[in-house]
Amino acid sequence: MIILGIESSCDETAASIIQDGTIILSSTIASQVDVHHKYGGVVPELASRMHIEAITTVVDKAIKKAGIEISDIDGVAATRGPGLIGALLVGFSFAKSFAFARHLPFAGVNHLEAHIYSLFLMDEKPDFPFIALVVSGGHTNIYYVTSYNNLELMGQTRDDAAGEAFDKVAKMLGLGYPGGHIIESLAKTNTSDTIKFPRTMLEKDSFDFSFSGLKSSVGRYIHDNSTGSKDEKAQIAASFQEAVIDVLSQKLINAALYKNCDSIGVSGGVSANKTFVGKLMEKAKAKKIKLFSPSVELCGDNAAMIAARGYTMIQQGSLCDLDHDVFSRSKIE
């Protein structure tokens, strides 16, 4: 079965062709990072307009790169949410029309579920059950995954997502957008003693997250102490990153121990942070827990994960009707 996947939840227009749910025939992405960089974040209206400009070309490239004809496509999947409403509508409406015109089954995919499915696109896949952390610019969620279609939400952020905190701290330091890669790169140059920023763990046995306090603490430190030197910025970046890594790692490993799972998976844009994945792997290994993470190309928003999730939905008959709409808020359906 060949599935066309389309992703447009934020600032990247992506299309992918997947065969039998796990084989990536093509994956194309048109990024808007350069456009939004000067604003220090994604401008929703601008993102929507650029999706409209890019989507036809991106889908056409994906089909050609896969070496197939349009008639070879057996089903279509697109991100239904969560995300920016205007951006979602572009990809979802295009995919719905594409499927309807060709009498193909159409699945509206939950973006967060799809990030977990990126783990199934790797050569080595986690066995059920396992704990999954989806950590990105908009979400920081922990799930107990018992099958391809059963995901139990164990915890989520109560305020800022981890990736959002990276972006905001980068902006405070005058480093630009997006902040994740910039802060990680700068942190590697730090050789000073670290600043003791807080690690917010919330209530005992809670798997929820909160990064607003950490973000505020960094802001106060910059206001009260910063000279603006590159060395000091590197020290702040490294100390902030270490605090985020400590919280993410401890919550994820605690969830695995609580559910008696010997496997964990991490996906989403922040999972491209090699410092985070490396330290998480060390901590997991100490607890005899195996870590799974996708390749860098599959960490961020991409259409391959949408097509992979859409494949299982189409197989089980979980399809969208013409009157189905997108949604902005995080949920597992």
C-alpha atoms as a PDB file:
ATOM      1  CA  MET A   1       0.000   0.000   0.000  1.00  0.00           C
ATOM      2  CA  ILE A   2       1.380   3.402  -1.031  1.00  0.00           C
ATOM      3  CA  ILE A   3       0.373   6.422   1.068  1.00  0.00           C
ATOM      4  CA  LEU A   4       0.826  10.118   0.333  1.00  0.00           C
ATOM      5  CA  GLY A   5       1.389  12.068   3.547  1.00  0.00           C
ATOM      6  CA  ILE A   6       1.099  15.854   3.899  1.00  0.00           C
ATOM      7  CA  GLU A   7       2.224  17.959   6.885  1.00  0.00           C
ATOM      8  CA  SER A   8       1.550  21.696   7.355  1.00  0.00           C
ATOM      9  CA  SER A   9       0.971  22.229  11.071  1.00  0.00           C
ATOM     10  CA  CYS A  10       3.417  25.093  11.550  1.00  0.00           C
ATOM     11  CA  ASP A  11       6.165  26.562   9.357  1.00  0.00           C
ATOM     12  CA  GLU A  12       7.197  23.661   7.133  1.00  0.00           C
ATOM     13  CA  THR A  13       5.317  22.359   4.099  1.00  0.00           C
ATOM     14  CA  ALA A  14       6.109  18.660   3.733  1.00  0.00           C
ATOM     15  CA  ALA A  15       5.019  15.714   1.598  1.00  0.00           C
ATOM     16  CA  SER A  16       6.116  12.086   1.649  1.00  0.00           C
ATOM     17  CA  ILE A  17       5.405   8.798  -0.052  1.00  0.00           C
ATOM     18  CA  ILE A  18       5.450   5.742   2.240  1.00  0.00           C
ATOM     19  CA  GLN A  19       5.095   2.111   1.219  1.00  0.00           C
ATOM     20  CA  ASP A  20       3.486  -0.416   3.600  1.00  0.00           C
ATOM     21  CA  GLY A  21       3.750   1.949   6.564  1.00  0.00           C
ATOM     22  CA  THR A  22       7.513   1.726   7.077  1.00  0.00           C
ATOM     23  CA  ILE A  23       9.386   2.212   3.783  1.00  0.00           C
ATOM     24  CA  ILE A  24      10.130   5.840   2.901  1.00  0.00           C
ATOM     25  CA  LEU A  25      10.096   6.276  -0.874  1.00  0.00           C
ATOM     26  CA  SER A  26      10.425  10.047  -0.677  1.00  0.00           C
ATOM     27  CA  SER A  27      10.282  12.906   1.819  1.00  0.00           C
ATOM     28  CA  THR A  28      10.315  16.563   0.759  1.00  0.00           C
ATOM     29  CA  ILE A  29      10.181  19.688   2.917  1.00  0.00           C
ATOM     30  CA  ALA A  30       9.913  23.398   2.139  1.00  0.00           C
ATOM     31  CA  SER A  31      11.111  25.267   5.221  1.00  0.00           C
ATOM     32  CA  GLN A  32      10.039  28.788   6.192  1.00  0.00           C
ATOM     33  CA  VAL A  33      12.725  29.313   8.856  1.00  0.00           C
ATOM     34  CA  ASP A  34      14.517  32.052   6.906  1.00  0.00           C
ATOM     35  CA  VAL A  35      11.266  33.978   6.490  1.00  0.00           C
ATOM     36  CA  HIS A  36      10.258  33.866  10.164  1.00  0.00           C
ATOM     37  CA  HIS A  37      13.796  34.348  11.508  1.00  0.00           C
ATOM     38  CA  LYS A  38      13.642  38.146  11.465  1.00  0.00           C
ATOM     39  CA  TYR A  39      10.451  38.099  13.555  1.00  0.00           C
ATOM     40  CA  GLY A  40      11.931  35.856  16.267  1.00  0.00           C
ATOM     41  CA  GLY A  41       9.170  33.283  15.831  1.00  0.00           C
ATOM     42  CA  VAL A  42       6.484  31.964  13.502  1.00  0.00           C
ATOM     43  CA  VAL A  43       3.984  34.499  12.161  1.00  0.00           C
ATOM     44  CA  PRO A  44       0.785  32.417  11.637  1.00  0.00           C
ATOM     45  CA  GLU A  45      -0.721  34.436   8.772  1.00  0.00           C
ATOM     46  CA  LEU A  46       2.570  34.493   6.899  1.00  0.00           C
ATOM     47  CA  ALA A  47       3.014  30.758   7.452  1.00  0.00           C
ATOM     48  CA  SER A  48      -0.415  30.029   5.969  1.00  0.00           C
ATOM     49  CA  ARG A  49       0.277  32.069   2.841  1.00  0.00           C
ATOM     50  CA  MET A  50       3.604  30.349   2.266  1.00  0.00           C
ATOM     51  CA  HIS A  51       1.989  26.911   2.648  1.00  0.00           C
ATOM     52  CA  ILE A  52      -0.423  27.858  -0.141  1.00  0.00           C
ATOM     53  CA  GLU A  53       2.491  28.865  -2.374  1.00  0.00           C
ATOM     54  CA  ALA A  54       4.546  25.736  -1.685  1.00  0.00           C
ATOM     55  CA  ILE A  55       2.172  22.812  -1.311  1.00  0.00           C
ATOM     56  CA  THR A  56       1.556  21.903  -4.958  1.00  0.00           C
ATOM     57  CA  THR A  57       5.267  21.958  -5.760  1.00  0.00           C
ATOM     58  CA  VAL A  58       6.198  19.980  -2.643  1.00  0.00           C
ATOM     59  CA  VAL A  59       3.640  17.232  -3.330  1.00  0.00           C
ATOM     60  CA  ASP A  60       4.686  17.035  -6.987  1.00  0.00           C
ATOM     61  CA  LYS A  61       8.348  16.666  -5.974  1.00  0.00           C
ATOM     62  CA  ALA A  62       7.502  13.911  -3.490  1.00  0.00           C
ATOM     63  CA  ILE A  63       5.648  11.898  -6.115  1.00  0.00           C
ATOM     64  CA  LYS A  64       8.403  12.313  -8.717  1.00  0.00           C
ATOM     65  CA  LYS A  65      11.175  11.544  -6.229  1.00  0.00           C
ATOM     66  CA  ALA A  66       9.382   8.338  -5.210  1.00  0.00           C
ATOM     67  CA  GLY A  67       9.402   7.212  -8.831  1.00  0.00           C
ATOM     68  CA  ILE A  68       5.666   6.581  -8.934  1.00  0.00           C
ATOM     69  CA  GLU A  69       2.627   7.888 -10.783  1.00  0.00           C
ATOM     70  CA  ILE A  70      -0.348   9.552  -9.106  1.00  0.00           C
ATOM     71  CA  SER A  71      -2.403   6.489 -10.059  1.00  0.00           C
ATOM     72  CA  ASP A  72      -0.132   4.333  -7.858  1.00  0.00           C
ATOM     73  CA  ILE A  73      -1.240   6.108  -4.661  1.00  0.00           C
ATOM     74  CA  ASP A  74      -3.612   3.992  -2.543  1.00  0.00           C
ATOM     75  CA  GLY A  75      -4.455   6.458   0.222  1.00  0.00           C
ATOM     76  CA  VAL A  76      -3.848   9.968   1.533  1.00  0.00           C
ATOM     77  CA  ALA A  77      -3.053  11.247   5.041  1.00  0.00           C
ATOM     78  CA  ALA A  78      -2.632  14.785   6.324  1.00  0.00           C
ATOM     79  CA  THR A  79      -2.067  16.473   9.656  1.00  0.00           C
ATOM     80  CA  ARG A  80      -5.401  17.360  11.240  1.00  0.00           C
ATOM     81  CA  GLY A  81      -3.966  18.913  14.401  1.00  0.00           C
ATOM     82  CA  PRO A  82      -2.752  20.203  16.721  1.00  0.00           C
ATOM     83  CA  GLY A  83      -1.120  23.214  15.157  1.00  0.00           C
ATOM     84  CA  LEU A  84      -1.798  26.634  13.651  1.00  0.00           C
ATOM     85  CA  ILE A  85      -5.338  26.600  12.252  1.00  0.00           C
ATOM     86  CA  GLY A  86      -4.562  28.506   9.060  1.00  0.00           C
ATOM     87  CA  ALA A  87      -1.510  26.402   8.312  1.00  0.00           C
ATOM     88  CA  LEU A  88      -3.333  23.148   9.035  1.00  0.00           C
ATOM     89  CA  LEU A  89      -6.220  24.088   6.757  1.00  0.00           C
ATOM     90  CA  VAL A  90      -3.920  24.408   3.749  1.00  0.00           C
ATOM     91  CA  GLY A  91      -2.487  20.893   3.948  1.00  0.00           C
ATOM     92  CA  PHE A  92      -5.664  19.241   5.215  1.00  0.00           C
ATOM     93  CA  SER A  93      -7.873  20.805   2.522  1.00  0.00           C
ATOM     94  CA  PHE A  94      -5.392  20.004  -0.239  1.00  0.00           C
ATOM     95  CA  ALA A  95      -5.099  16.371   0.887  1.00  0.00           C
ATOM     96  CA  LYS A  96      -8.864  16.005   1.291  1.00  0.00           C
ATOM     97  CA  SER A  97      -9.442  17.334  -2.230  1.00  0.00           C
ATOM     98  CA  PHE A  98      -6.678  15.138  -3.658  1.00  0.00           C
ATOM     99  CA  ALA A  99      -8.249  12.042  -2.089  1.00  0.00           C
ATOM    100  CA  PHE A 100     -11.831  12.949  -2.981  1.00  0.00           C
ATOM    101  CA  ALA A 101     -11.002  13.614  -6.647  1.00  0.00           C
ATOM    102  CA  ARG A 102      -9.361  10.189  -6.953  1.00  0.00           C
ATOM    103  CA  HIS A 103     -11.788   8.229  -4.728  1.00  0.00           C
ATOM    104  CA  LEU A 104      -9.006   7.386  -2.254  1.00  0.00           C
ATOM    105  CA  PRO A 105      -9.320   6.765   1.491  1.00  0.00           C
ATOM    106  CA  PHE A 106      -8.300   9.806   3.536  1.00  0.00           C
ATOM    107  CA  ALA A 107      -7.022   9.910   7.139  1.00  0.00           C
ATOM    108  CA  GLY A 108      -6.674  13.005   9.317  1.00  0.00           C
ATOM    109  CA  VAL A 109      -3.653  12.393  11.530  1.00  0.00           C
ATOM    110  CA  ASN A 110      -2.914  13.618  15.039  1.00  0.00           C
ATOM    111  CA  HIS A 111       0.453  15.361  14.822  1.00  0.00           C
ATOM    112  CA  LEU A 112       1.600  14.106  18.234  1.00  0.00           C
ATOM    113  CA  GLU A 113       0.759  10.483  17.458  1.00  0.00           C
ATOM    114  CA  ALA A 114       2.709  10.855  14.224  1.00  0.00           C
ATOM    115  CA  HIS A 115       5.850  11.957  16.059  1.00  0.00           C
ATOM    116  CA  ILE A 116       5.742   8.656  17.950  1.00  0.00           C
ATOM    117  CA  TYR A 117       5.334   6.842  14.628  1.00  0.00           C
ATOM    118  CA  SER A 118       8.640   8.304  13.467  1.00  0.00           C
ATOM    119  CA  LEU A 119      10.213   5.709  15.779  1.00  0.00           C
ATOM    120  CA  PHE A 120       8.671   2.950  13.644  1.00  0.00           C
ATOM    121  CA  LEU A 121      10.377   4.286  10.514  1.00  0.00           C
ATOM    122  CA  MET A 122      13.812   3.358  11.861  1.00  0.00           C
ATOM    123  CA  ASP A 123      15.560   0.026  11.218  1.00  0.00           C
ATOM    124  CA  GLU A 124      15.493  -0.781  14.934  1.00  0.00           C
ATOM    125  CA  LYS A 125      12.051  -0.249  16.445  1.00  0.00           C
ATOM    126  CA  PRO A 126      10.863  -0.331  20.077  1.00  0.00           C
ATOM    127  CA  ASP A 127       8.766  -3.283  21.235  1.00  0.00           C
ATOM    128  CA  PHE A 128       5.460  -2.704  23.000  1.00  0.00           C
ATOM    129  CA  PRO A 129       4.922  -1.499  25.627  1.00  0.00           C
ATOM    130  CA  PHE A 130       7.262   1.497  25.841  1.00  0.00           C
ATOM    131  CA  ILE A 131       7.273   5.077  27.078  1.00  0.00           C
ATOM    132  CA  ALA A 132       7.432   7.854  24.476  1.00  0.00           C
ATOM    133  CA  LEU A 133       8.384  11.484  24.974  1.00  0.00           C
ATOM    134  CA  VAL A 134       7.240  13.914  22.289  1.00  0.00           C
ATOM    135  CA  VAL A 135       9.251  17.095  22.832  1.00  0.00           C
ATOM    136  CA  SER A 136       9.092  20.013  20.408  1.00  0.00           C
ATOM    137  CA  GLY A 137       8.487  23.724  20.116  1.00  0.00           C
ATOM    138  CA  GLY A 138       4.809  23.342  20.901  1.00  0.00           C
ATOM    139  CA  HIS A 139       4.524  20.167  22.976  1.00  0.00           C
ATOM    140  CA  THR A 140       6.194  18.223  25.745  1.00  0.00           C
ATOM    141  CA  ASN A 141       4.145  15.070  26.359  1.00  0.00           C
ATOM    142  CA  ILE A 142       4.808  11.620  27.816  1.00  0.00           C
ATOM    143  CA  TYR A 143       2.827   8.597  26.573  1.00  0.00           C
ATOM    144  CA  TYR A 144       2.521   4.967  27.580  1.00  0.00           C
ATOM    145  CA  VAL A 145       2.379   3.150  24.237  1.00  0.00           C
ATOM    146  CA  THR A 146       0.949  -0.378  24.301  1.00  0.00           C
ATOM    147  CA  SER A 147       0.162  -0.857  20.598  1.00  0.00           C
ATOM    148  CA  TYR A 148       0.109   1.021  17.304  1.00  0.00           C
ATOM    149  CA  ASN A 149      -3.281   2.459  18.209  1.00  0.00           C
ATOM    150  CA  ASN A 150      -3.209   2.665  22.012  1.00  0.00           C
ATOM    151  CA  LEU A 151      -1.470   5.643  23.588  1.00  0.00           C
ATOM    152  CA  GLU A 152      -2.069   6.728  27.168  1.00  0.00           C
ATOM    153  CA  LEU A 153      -1.167  10.337  27.997  1.00  0.00           C
ATOM    154  CA  MET A 154       0.789  10.271  31.262  1.00  0.00           C
ATOM    155  CA  GLY A 155       1.980  13.859  31.432  1.00  0.00           C
ATOM    156  CA  GLN A 156       2.285  17.115  29.519  1.00  0.00           C
ATOM    157  CA  THR A 157       3.564  20.634  29.937  1.00  0.00           C
ATOM    158  CA  ARG A 158       1.426  23.004  31.988  1.00  0.00           C
ATOM    159  CA  ASP A 159       2.886  26.103  30.341  1.00  0.00           C
ATOM    160  CA  ASP A 160       5.833  26.436  27.945  1.00  0.00           C
ATOM    161  CA  ALA A 161       6.972  23.451  25.915  1.00  0.00           C
ATOM    162  CA  ALA A 162      10.677  22.608  26.105  1.00  0.00           C
ATOM    163  CA  GLY A 163      11.343  23.755  22.552  1.00  0.00           C
ATOM    164  CA  GLU A 164       9.412  26.961  23.184  1.00  0.00           C
ATOM    165  CA  ALA A 165      11.630  27.642  26.210  1.00  0.00           C
ATOM    166  CA  PHE A 166      14.724  27.170  24.026  1.00  0.00           C
ATOM    167  CA  ASP A 167      13.360  29.718  21.536  1.00  0.00           C
ATOM    168  CA  LYS A 168      12.499  32.265  24.227  1.00  0.00           C
ATOM    169  CA  VAL A 169      15.839  31.969  26.013  1.00  0.00           C
ATOM    170  CA  ALA A 170      17.647  32.319  22.685  1.00  0.00           C
ATOM    171  CA  LYS A 171      15.662  35.500  22.069  1.00  0.00           C
ATOM    172  CA  MET A 172      16.606  36.823  25.537  1.00  0.00           C
ATOM    173  CA  LEU A 173      20.254  36.244  24.683  1.00  0.00           C
ATOM    174  CA  GLY A 174      19.889  37.909  21.290  1.00  0.00           C
ATOM    175  CA  LEU A 175      20.784  34.711  19.434  1.00  0.00           C
ATOM    176  CA  GLY A 176      17.937  34.534  16.916  1.00  0.00           C
ATOM    177  CA  TYR A 177      15.371  31.918  15.898  1.00  0.00           C
ATOM    178  CA  PRO A 178      14.963  28.950  16.081  1.00  0.00           C
ATOM    179  CA  GLY A 179      16.727  28.647  19.419  1.00  0.00           C
ATOM    180  CA  GLY A 180      17.363  24.930  19.875  1.00  0.00           C
ATOM    181  CA  HIS A 181      20.334  24.454  17.557  1.00  0.00           C
ATOM    182  CA  ILE A 182      21.781  27.882  18.391  1.00  0.00           C
ATOM    183  CA  ILE A 183      21.757  27.241  22.148  1.00  0.00           C
ATOM    184  CA  GLU A 184      23.161  23.719  21.773  1.00  0.00           C
ATOM    185  CA  SER A 185      26.015  24.981  19.581  1.00  0.00           C
ATOM    186  CA  LEU A 186      26.804  27.874  21.929  1.00  0.00           C
ATOM    187  CA  ALA A 187      26.629  25.629  25.008  1.00  0.00           C
ATOM    188  CA  LYS A 188      29.396  23.431  23.581  1.00  0.00           C
ATOM    189  CA  THR A 189      31.812  26.367  23.833  1.00  0.00           C
ATOM    190  CA  ASN A 190      31.175  26.862  27.571  1.00  0.00           C
ATOM    191  CA  THR A 191      34.025  26.009  29.947  1.00  0.00           C
ATOM    192  CA  SER A 192      32.878  27.970  33.009  1.00  0.00           C
ATOM    193  CA  ASP A 193      31.187  26.740  36.158  1.00  0.00           C
ATOM    194  CA  THR A 194      27.496  26.287  35.516  1.00  0.00           C
ATOM    195  CA  ILE A 195      24.771  28.549  36.850  1.00  0.00           C
ATOM    196  CA  LYS A 196      22.334  26.726  39.127  1.00  0.00           C
ATOM    197  CA  PHE A 197      19.040  27.285  37.376  1.00  0.00           C
ATOM    198  CA  PRO A 198      15.975  25.562  38.918  1.00  0.00           C
ATOM    199  CA  ARG A 199      14.693  22.099  37.957  1.00  0.00           C
ATOM    200  CA  THR A 200      10.906  22.180  38.267  1.00  0.00           C
ATOM    201  CA  MET A 201       9.622  18.687  39.087  1.00  0.00           C
ATOM    202  CA  LEU A 202       6.116  19.687  40.332  1.00  0.00           C
ATOM    203  CA  GLU A 203       4.219  17.284  42.609  1.00  0.00           C
ATOM    204  CA  LYS A 204       5.630  13.960  43.700  1.00  0.00           C
ATOM    205  CA  ASP A 205       4.968  11.229  41.122  1.00  0.00           C
ATOM    206  CA  SER A 206       3.728  13.792  38.568  1.00  0.00           C
ATOM    207  CA  PHE A 207       4.789  13.327  34.962  1.00  0.00           C
ATOM    208  CA  ASP A 208       3.738  16.859  33.974  1.00  0.00           C
ATOM    209  CA  PHE A 209       6.257  19.525  32.988  1.00  0.00           C
ATOM    210  CA  SER A 210       6.683  23.234  33.651  1.00  0.00           C
ATOM    211  CA  PHE A 211       9.373  25.356  32.029  1.00  0.00           C
ATOM    212  CA  SER A 212       8.006  28.876  32.628  1.00  0.00           C
ATOM    213  CA  GLY A 213       9.808  29.146  35.981  1.00  0.00           C
ATOM    214  CA  LEU A 214      13.121  28.145  34.418  1.00  0.00           C
ATOM    215  CA  LYS A 215      12.589  30.606  31.587  1.00  0.00           C
ATOM    216  CA  SER A 216      11.819  33.391  34.082  1.00  0.00           C
ATOM    217  CA  SER A 217      14.871  32.492  36.160  1.00  0.00           C
ATOM    218  CA  VAL A 218      17.097  32.804  33.099  1.00  0.00           C
ATOM    219  CA  GLY A 219      15.488  36.142  32.283  1.00  0.00           C
ATOM    220  CA  ARG A 220      16.138  37.474  35.785  1.00  0.00           C
ATOM    221  CA  TYR A 221      19.744  36.294  35.693  1.00  0.00           C
ATOM    222  CA  ILE A 222      20.329  38.026  32.359  1.00  0.00           C
ATOM    223  CA  HIS A 223      18.733  41.231  33.676  1.00  0.00           C
ATOM    224  CA  ASP A 224      20.668  41.272  36.953  1.00  0.00           C
ATOM    225  CA  ASN A 225      24.053  39.840  36.002  1.00  0.00           C
ATOM    226  CA  SER A 226      24.698  39.696  32.289  1.00  0.00           C
ATOM    227  CA  THR A 227      27.468  41.731  30.686  1.00  0.00           C
ATOM    228  CA  GLY A 228      26.513  40.486  27.231  1.00  0.00           C
ATOM    229  CA  SER A 229      29.848  38.793  26.596  1.00  0.00           C
ATOM    230  CA  LYS A 230      29.985  35.713  24.387  1.00  0.00           C
ATOM    231  CA  ASP A 231      31.533  33.626  27.165  1.00  0.00           C
ATOM    232  CA  GLU A 232      28.765  34.561  29.566  1.00  0.00           C
ATOM    233  CA  LYS A 233      26.089  33.810  26.982  1.00  0.00           C
ATOM    234  CA  ALA A 234      27.679  30.391  26.471  1.00  0.00           C
ATOM    235  CA  GLN A 235      27.598  29.775  30.227  1.00  0.00           C
ATOM    236  CA  ILE A 236      23.927  30.759  30.431  1.00  0.00           C
ATOM    237  CA  ALA A 237      23.072  28.619  27.405  1.00  0.00           C
ATOM    238  CA  ALA A 238      24.859  25.568  28.815  1.00  0.00           C
ATOM    239  CA  SER A 239      23.300  25.971  32.269  1.00  0.00           C
ATOM    240  CA  PHE A 240      19.806  26.434  30.837  1.00  0.00           C
ATOM    241  CA  GLN A 241      20.166  23.451  28.523  1.00  0.00           C
ATOM    242  CA  GLU A 242      21.419  21.273  31.372  1.00  0.00           C
ATOM    243  CA  ALA A 243      18.363  22.173  33.465  1.00  0.00           C
ATOM    244  CA  VAL A 244      15.984  21.230  30.638  1.00  0.00           C
ATOM    245  CA  ILE A 245      17.823  17.966  30.001  1.00  0.00           C
ATOM    246  CA  ASP A 246      17.718  17.016  33.692  1.00  0.00           C
ATOM    247  CA  VAL A 247      13.948  17.508  33.905  1.00  0.00           C
ATOM    248  CA  LEU A 248      13.136  15.746  30.614  1.00  0.00           C
ATOM    249  CA  SER A 249      15.412  12.792  31.403  1.00  0.00           C
ATOM    250  CA  GLN A 250      14.239  12.264  34.961  1.00  0.00           C
ATOM    251  CA  LYS A 251      10.530  12.473  34.083  1.00  0.00           C
ATOM    252  CA  LEU A 252      10.916  10.087  31.141  1.00  0.00           C
ATOM    253  CA  ILE A 253      12.946   7.509  33.057  1.00  0.00           C
ATOM    254  CA  ASN A 254      10.629   7.750  36.078  1.00  0.00           C
ATOM    255  CA  ALA A 255       7.662   7.061  33.787  1.00  0.00           C
ATOM    256  CA  ALA A 256       9.409   3.968  32.403  1.00  0.00           C
ATOM    257  CA  LEU A 257      10.153   2.683  35.905  1.00  0.00           C
ATOM    258  CA  TYR A 258       6.562   3.393  37.002  1.00  0.00           C
ATOM    259  CA  LYS A 259       5.147   1.389  34.077  1.00  0.00           C
ATOM    260  CA  ASN A 260       7.891  -1.263  34.311  1.00  0.00           C
ATOM    261  CA  CYS A 261       9.029  -0.618  30.719  1.00  0.00           C
ATOM    262  CA  ASP A 262      12.561  -1.399  29.577  1.00  0.00           C
ATOM    263  CA  SER A 263      12.308   0.790  26.451  1.00  0.00           C
ATOM    264  CA  ILE A 264      11.799   4.515  25.940  1.00  0.00           C
ATOM    265  CA  GLY A 265      11.513   6.603  22.793  1.00  0.00           C
ATOM    266  CA  VAL A 266      12.059  10.311  22.265  1.00  0.00           C
ATOM    267  CA  SER A 267      10.881  12.218  19.188  1.00  0.00           C
ATOM    268  CA  GLY A 268      10.013  15.741  18.088  1.00  0.00           C
ATOM    269  CA  GLY A 269      12.234  18.681  17.220  1.00  0.00           C
ATOM    270  CA  VAL A 270      14.124  18.767  20.527  1.00  0.00           C
ATOM    271  CA  SER A 271      15.182  15.137  20.015  1.00  0.00           C
ATOM    272  CA  ALA A 272      17.568  16.466  17.346  1.00  0.00           C
ATOM    273  CA  ASN A 273      19.610  17.904  20.231  1.00  0.00           C
ATOM    274  CA  LYS A 274      22.562  15.485  20.389  1.00  0.00           C
ATOM    275  CA  THR A 275      23.598  16.668  23.850  1.00  0.00           C
ATOM    276  CA  PHE A 276      20.144  15.812  25.189  1.00  0.00           C
ATOM    277  CA  VAL A 277      19.976  12.397  23.510  1.00  0.00           C
ATOM    278  CA  GLY A 278      23.521  11.531  24.584  1.00  0.00           C
ATOM    279  CA  LYS A 279      22.929  12.345  28.246  1.00  0.00           C
ATOM    280  CA  LEU A 280      19.526  10.659  28.205  1.00  0.00           C
ATOM    281  CA  MET A 281      21.118   7.520  26.794  1.00  0.00           C
ATOM    282  CA  GLU A 282      23.670   7.470  29.634  1.00  0.00           C
ATOM    283  CA  LYS A 283      20.990   7.883  32.286  1.00  0.00           C
ATOM    284  CA  ALA A 284      18.737   5.271  30.680  1.00  0.00           C
ATOM    285  CA  LYS A 285      21.581   2.774  30.383  1.00  0.00           C
ATOM    286  CA  ALA A 286      22.290   3.134  34.105  1.00  0.00           C
ATOM    287  CA  LYS A 287      18.709   1.958  34.723  1.00  0.00           C
ATOM    288  CA  LYS A 288      18.989  -0.810  32.094  1.00  0.00           C
ATOM    289  CA  ILE A 289      16.526   0.976  29.836  1.00  0.00           C
ATOM    290  CA  LYS A 290      17.007   1.085  26.060  1.00  0.00           C
ATOM    291  CA  LEU A 291      16.576   4.383  24.237  1.00  0.00           C
ATOM    292  CA  PHE A 292      15.130   4.758  20.730  1.00  0.00           C
ATOM    293  CA  SER A 293      15.234   8.006  18.760  1.00  0.00           C
ATOM    294  CA  PRO A 294      14.645   8.832  15.082  1.00  0.00           C
ATOM    295  CA  SER A 295      17.220  10.095  12.624  1.00  0.00           C
ATOM    296  CA  VAL A 296      17.698  13.862  12.513  1.00  0.00           C
ATOM    297  CA  GLU A 297      15.590  14.085   9.342  1.00  0.00           C
ATOM    298  CA  LEU A 298      12.618  12.587  11.203  1.00  0.00           C
ATOM    299  CA  CYS A 299      12.975  14.547  14.455  1.00  0.00           C
ATOM    300  CA  GLY A 300      11.262  17.708  13.295  1.00  0.00           C
ATOM    301  CA  ASP A 301       7.946  18.095  11.492  1.00  0.00           C
ATOM    302  CA  ASN A 302       7.891  15.846   8.431  1.00  0.00           C
ATOM    303  CA  ALA A 303       5.331  14.101   6.254  1.00  0.00           C
ATOM    304  CA  ALA A 304       6.847  10.607   6.477  1.00  0.00           C
ATOM    305  CA  MET A 305       5.565  10.217  10.036  1.00  0.00           C
ATOM    306  CA  ILE A 306       2.133  11.490   8.918  1.00  0.00           C
ATOM    307  CA  ALA A 307       1.986   8.905   6.131  1.00  0.00           C
ATOM    308  CA  ALA A 308       3.137   6.150   8.499  1.00  0.00           C
ATOM    309  CA  ARG A 309       0.367   6.919  10.988  1.00  0.00           C
ATOM    310  CA  GLY A 310      -2.123   7.368   8.149  1.00  0.00           C
ATOM    311  CA  TYR A 311      -1.279   3.878   6.875  1.00  0.00           C
ATOM    312  CA  THR A 312      -2.441   2.237  10.120  1.00  0.00           C
ATOM    313  CA  MET A 313      -5.548   4.436  10.294  1.00  0.00           C
ATOM    314  CA  ILE A 314      -6.548   3.567   6.733  1.00  0.00           C
ATOM    315  CA  GLN A 315      -5.981  -0.120   7.436  1.00  0.00           C
ATOM    316  CA  GLN A 316      -8.332  -0.034  10.414  1.00  0.00           C
ATOM    317  CA  GLY A 317     -10.902   2.118   8.620  1.00  0.00           C
ATOM    318  CA  SER A 318     -10.406   5.239  10.753  1.00  0.00           C
ATOM    319  CA  LEU A 319     -11.104   7.721   7.966  1.00  0.00           C
ATOM    320  CA  CYS A 320     -12.136  11.357   7.630  1.00  0.00           C
ATOM    321  CA  ASP A 321     -15.360  12.504   6.018  1.00  0.00           C
ATOM    322  CA  LEU A 322     -15.613  15.580   3.831  1.00  0.00           C
ATOM    323  CA  ASP A 323     -17.109  17.627   6.692  1.00  0.00           C
ATOM    324  CA  HIS A 324     -14.276  16.887   9.133  1.00  0.00           C
ATOM    325  CA  ASP A 325     -12.204  19.874  10.194  1.00  0.00           C
ATOM    326  CA  VAL A 326      -8.783  20.584  11.717  1.00  0.00           C
ATOM    327  CA  PHE A 327      -8.139  21.290  15.418  1.00  0.00           C
ATOM    328  CA  SER A 328      -5.602  23.524  17.127  1.00  0.00           C
ATOM    329  CA  ARG A 329      -5.375  22.127  20.635  1.00  0.00           C
ATOM    330  CA  SER A 330      -3.422  19.059  21.699  1.00  0.00           C
ATOM    331  CA  LYS A 331      -5.447  15.876  22.034  1.00  0.00           C
ATOM    332  CA  ILE A 332      -5.244  12.159  21.366  1.00  0.00           C
ATOM    333  CA  GLU A 333      -8.327  10.888  19.546  1.00  0.00           C
END
